[in-house]
Amino acid sequence: MSQLSNVREGMAVIGADGAAVGVVEAVTHHSIMLRPTGTRGEEGERAHFIPAGLIAEIEGDTVRLSANADVAVSFEDERL
């Protein structure tokens, strides 16, 4: 989890396959909060949390995960 300290708001998050997962909204003690995908104020808008354990590496302004994008999304911890 030491790489979590290098994650900053606005960084792109991609899966191991290079597919986009989202953009960092905030960092918590154990996860990365991604920006909601809906338009602000849109019903059903929600943030997603990706566990820090999925961070494989930081490449410039990009967080690369150890799981493919579609798999990483299944690990999401939704918090309303």
N, C-alpha and C. Protein backbone atom coordinates (compact mmCIF):
# COMPACT_ATOMS: atom_id res chain seq x y z
N MET A 1 0.81 -1.19 0.00
CA MET A 1 0.00 0.00 0.00
C MET A 1 0.85 1.26 0.00
N SER A 2 2.15 1.13 -0.02
CA SER A 2 3.00 2.31 0.01
C SER A 2 2.79 3.20 -1.21
N GLN A 3 2.36 2.63 -2.33
CA GLN A 3 2.13 3.42 -3.53
C GLN A 3 0.92 4.33 -3.40
N LEU A 4 0.03 4.03 -2.48
CA LEU A 4 -1.17 4.84 -2.29
C LEU A 4 -0.80 6.29 -1.97
N SER A 5 0.32 6.50 -1.29
CA SER A 5 0.74 7.86 -0.94
C SER A 5 1.15 8.67 -2.17
N ASN A 6 1.39 8.01 -3.29
CA ASN A 6 1.77 8.69 -4.53
C ASN A 6 0.57 8.99 -5.43
N VAL A 7 -0.61 8.55 -5.04
CA VAL A 7 -1.82 8.76 -5.84
C VAL A 7 -2.39 10.13 -5.51
N ARG A 8 -2.73 10.90 -6.56
CA ARG A 8 -3.26 12.25 -6.39
C ARG A 8 -4.56 12.42 -7.18
N GLU A 9 -5.35 13.37 -6.74
CA GLU A 9 -6.59 13.70 -7.43
C GLU A 9 -6.29 14.05 -8.89
N GLY A 10 -7.15 13.58 -9.79
CA GLY A 10 -7.02 13.88 -11.21
C GLY A 10 -6.23 12.85 -12.00
N MET A 11 -5.57 11.91 -11.31
CA MET A 11 -4.80 10.90 -12.03
C MET A 11 -5.74 9.92 -12.73
N ALA A 12 -5.34 9.47 -13.91
CA ALA A 12 -6.10 8.45 -14.63
C ALA A 12 -5.84 7.10 -13.98
N VAL A 13 -6.86 6.25 -13.95
CA VAL A 13 -6.73 4.90 -13.42
C VAL A 13 -7.03 3.95 -14.57
N ILE A 14 -6.08 3.05 -14.86
CA ILE A 14 -6.27 2.08 -15.94
C ILE A 14 -6.04 0.67 -15.43
N GLY A 15 -6.66 -0.27 -16.10
CA GLY A 15 -6.48 -1.67 -15.75
C GLY A 15 -5.17 -2.20 -16.32
N ALA A 16 -4.83 -3.42 -15.97
CA ALA A 16 -3.61 -4.06 -16.47
C ALA A 16 -3.66 -4.21 -17.99
N ASP A 17 -4.87 -4.21 -18.54
CA ASP A 17 -5.06 -4.33 -19.99
C ASP A 17 -4.98 -2.99 -20.70
N GLY A 18 -4.77 -1.90 -19.95
CA GLY A 18 -4.67 -0.57 -20.54
C GLY A 18 -6.00 0.14 -20.70
N ALA A 19 -7.10 -0.52 -20.37
CA ALA A 19 -8.43 0.09 -20.49
C ALA A 19 -8.69 1.03 -19.33
N ALA A 20 -9.37 2.14 -19.63
CA ALA A 20 -9.67 3.15 -18.61
C ALA A 20 -10.64 2.60 -17.57
N VAL A 21 -10.37 2.91 -16.30
CA VAL A 21 -11.25 2.56 -15.19
C VAL A 21 -11.93 3.82 -14.66
N GLY A 22 -11.19 4.93 -14.61
CA GLY A 22 -11.76 6.18 -14.12
C GLY A 22 -10.68 7.19 -13.80
N VAL A 23 -11.07 8.23 -13.06
CA VAL A 23 -10.17 9.30 -12.66
C VAL A 23 -10.27 9.45 -11.15
N VAL A 24 -9.12 9.62 -10.50
CA VAL A 24 -9.08 9.73 -9.04
C VAL A 24 -9.78 11.01 -8.58
N GLU A 25 -10.75 10.84 -7.70
CA GLU A 25 -11.44 11.96 -7.05
C GLU A 25 -10.78 12.26 -5.71
N ALA A 26 -10.43 11.20 -4.97
CA ALA A 26 -9.81 11.34 -3.65
C ALA A 26 -9.13 10.03 -3.28
N VAL A 27 -8.32 10.09 -2.23
CA VAL A 27 -7.64 8.92 -1.71
C VAL A 27 -8.02 8.75 -0.25
N THR A 28 -8.41 7.55 0.14
CA THR A 28 -8.72 7.25 1.53
C THR A 28 -7.57 6.42 2.10
N HIS A 29 -7.72 5.94 3.31
CA HIS A 29 -6.66 5.15 3.93
C HIS A 29 -6.38 3.85 3.21
N HIS A 30 -7.41 3.27 2.57
CA HIS A 30 -7.25 1.95 1.96
C HIS A 30 -7.77 1.83 0.55
N SER A 31 -8.15 2.96 -0.07
CA SER A 31 -8.72 2.87 -1.40
C SER A 31 -8.58 4.18 -2.18
N ILE A 32 -8.88 4.06 -3.47
CA ILE A 32 -8.92 5.21 -4.37
C ILE A 32 -10.38 5.46 -4.69
N MET A 33 -10.85 6.68 -4.47
CA MET A 33 -12.22 7.02 -4.83
C MET A 33 -12.21 7.57 -6.24
N LEU A 34 -13.01 6.97 -7.12
CA LEU A 34 -13.09 7.43 -8.50
C LEU A 34 -14.23 8.43 -8.65
N ARG A 35 -14.08 9.35 -9.58
CA ARG A 35 -15.15 10.32 -9.86
C ARG A 35 -16.38 9.59 -10.36
N PRO A 36 -17.55 10.06 -9.97
CA PRO A 36 -18.79 9.47 -10.49
C PRO A 36 -18.82 9.60 -12.01
N THR A 37 -19.39 8.62 -12.67
CA THR A 37 -19.43 8.63 -14.12
C THR A 37 -20.57 9.46 -14.67
N GLY A 38 -21.61 9.70 -13.87
CA GLY A 38 -22.76 10.48 -14.33
C GLY A 38 -22.49 11.97 -14.24
N THR A 39 -23.38 12.73 -14.86
CA THR A 39 -23.31 14.18 -14.79
C THR A 39 -23.67 14.61 -13.38
N ARG A 40 -23.02 15.63 -12.87
CA ARG A 40 -23.32 16.10 -11.52
C ARG A 40 -24.81 16.35 -11.38
N GLY A 41 -25.36 15.83 -10.31
CA GLY A 41 -26.79 16.00 -10.05
C GLY A 41 -27.65 14.95 -10.71
N GLU A 42 -27.07 14.12 -11.55
CA GLU A 42 -27.84 13.08 -12.21
C GLU A 42 -28.25 12.02 -11.20
N GLU A 43 -29.51 11.58 -11.28
CA GLU A 43 -29.98 10.55 -10.36
C GLU A 43 -29.16 9.28 -10.56
N GLY A 44 -28.77 8.65 -9.48
CA GLY A 44 -27.98 7.43 -9.56
C GLY A 44 -26.48 7.68 -9.60
N GLU A 45 -26.08 8.94 -9.58
CA GLU A 45 -24.66 9.28 -9.57
C GLU A 45 -24.03 8.71 -8.31
N ARG A 46 -22.87 8.07 -8.44
CA ARG A 46 -22.23 7.48 -7.28
C ARG A 46 -20.72 7.42 -7.49
N ALA A 47 -20.02 7.45 -6.42
CA ALA A 47 -18.57 7.30 -6.46
C ALA A 47 -18.24 5.82 -6.28
N HIS A 48 -17.10 5.41 -6.77
CA HIS A 48 -16.63 4.03 -6.62
C HIS A 48 -15.29 4.05 -5.91
N PHE A 49 -15.04 3.02 -5.14
CA PHE A 49 -13.79 2.90 -4.41
C PHE A 49 -13.06 1.65 -4.87
N ILE A 50 -11.83 1.82 -5.34
CA ILE A 50 -10.99 0.71 -5.77
C ILE A 50 -9.99 0.43 -4.64
N PRO A 51 -9.90 -0.81 -4.17
CA PRO A 51 -8.96 -1.13 -3.09
C PRO A 51 -7.52 -0.82 -3.47
N ALA A 52 -6.76 -0.27 -2.55
CA ALA A 52 -5.37 0.08 -2.80
C ALA A 52 -4.53 -1.14 -3.15
N GLY A 53 -4.95 -2.31 -2.72
CA GLY A 53 -4.22 -3.53 -3.02
C GLY A 53 -4.17 -3.86 -4.50
N LEU A 54 -5.01 -3.22 -5.30
CA LEU A 54 -5.00 -3.46 -6.75
C LEU A 54 -4.00 -2.58 -7.49
N ILE A 55 -3.35 -1.63 -6.80
CA ILE A 55 -2.38 -0.77 -7.46
C ILE A 55 -1.14 -1.59 -7.80
N ALA A 56 -0.81 -1.64 -9.10
CA ALA A 56 0.41 -2.34 -9.53
C ALA A 56 1.58 -1.37 -9.59
N GLU A 57 1.33 -0.19 -10.18
CA GLU A 57 2.39 0.82 -10.27
C GLU A 57 1.81 2.18 -10.64
N ILE A 58 2.62 3.19 -10.42
CA ILE A 58 2.28 4.56 -10.79
C ILE A 58 3.20 4.91 -11.96
N GLU A 59 2.61 5.33 -13.07
CA GLU A 59 3.39 5.71 -14.26
C GLU A 59 3.06 7.16 -14.58
N GLY A 60 3.88 8.10 -14.13
CA GLY A 60 3.60 9.51 -14.36
C GLY A 60 2.30 9.91 -13.67
N ASP A 61 1.30 10.32 -14.45
CA ASP A 61 0.00 10.72 -13.90
C ASP A 61 -1.04 9.63 -14.07
N THR A 62 -0.58 8.38 -14.14
CA THR A 62 -1.49 7.25 -14.35
C THR A 62 -1.27 6.18 -13.28
N VAL A 63 -2.37 5.69 -12.74
CA VAL A 63 -2.34 4.58 -11.79
C VAL A 63 -2.68 3.32 -12.58
N ARG A 64 -1.77 2.38 -12.64
CA ARG A 64 -2.03 1.11 -13.33
C ARG A 64 -2.38 0.07 -12.27
N LEU A 65 -3.47 -0.64 -12.52
CA LEU A 65 -3.93 -1.67 -11.59
C LEU A 65 -3.38 -3.04 -11.99
N SER A 66 -3.40 -3.97 -11.07
CA SER A 66 -2.91 -5.32 -11.34
C SER A 66 -3.98 -6.20 -11.98
N ALA A 67 -5.20 -5.71 -12.05
CA ALA A 67 -6.31 -6.45 -12.66
C ALA A 67 -6.79 -5.72 -13.91
N ASN A 68 -7.32 -6.45 -14.88
CA ASN A 68 -7.92 -5.81 -16.05
C ASN A 68 -9.06 -4.91 -15.60
N ALA A 69 -9.38 -3.90 -16.40
CA ALA A 69 -10.39 -2.90 -16.04
C ALA A 69 -11.73 -3.54 -15.66
N ASP A 70 -12.21 -4.50 -16.45
CA ASP A 70 -13.52 -5.09 -16.16
C ASP A 70 -13.51 -5.87 -14.85
N VAL A 71 -12.39 -6.46 -14.52
CA VAL A 71 -12.26 -7.20 -13.26
C VAL A 71 -12.12 -6.22 -12.09
N ALA A 72 -11.34 -5.17 -12.27
CA ALA A 72 -11.13 -4.17 -11.21
C ALA A 72 -12.46 -3.56 -10.79
N VAL A 73 -13.33 -3.32 -11.75
CA VAL A 73 -14.64 -2.73 -11.43
C VAL A 73 -15.45 -3.67 -10.54
N SER A 74 -15.27 -4.96 -10.69
CA SER A 74 -16.02 -5.91 -9.88
C SER A 74 -15.54 -5.91 -8.43
N PHE A 75 -14.35 -5.38 -8.16
CA PHE A 75 -13.82 -5.27 -6.81
C PHE A 75 -14.28 -4.00 -6.12
N GLU A 76 -14.98 -3.14 -6.84
CA GLU A 76 -15.38 -1.86 -6.29
C GLU A 76 -16.19 -2.01 -5.01
N ASP A 77 -15.93 -1.10 -4.12
CA ASP A 77 -16.65 -1.01 -2.86
C ASP A 77 -17.49 0.25 -2.93
N GLU A 78 -18.76 0.09 -3.30
CA GLU A 78 -19.64 1.26 -3.44
C GLU A 78 -19.97 1.82 -2.07
N ARG A 79 -19.89 3.14 -1.95
CA ARG A 79 -20.28 3.83 -0.73
C ARG A 79 -21.18 4.96 -1.14
N LEU A 80 -22.37 4.96 -0.63
CA LEU A 80 -23.33 5.99 -1.03
C LEU A 80 -23.27 7.18 -0.14
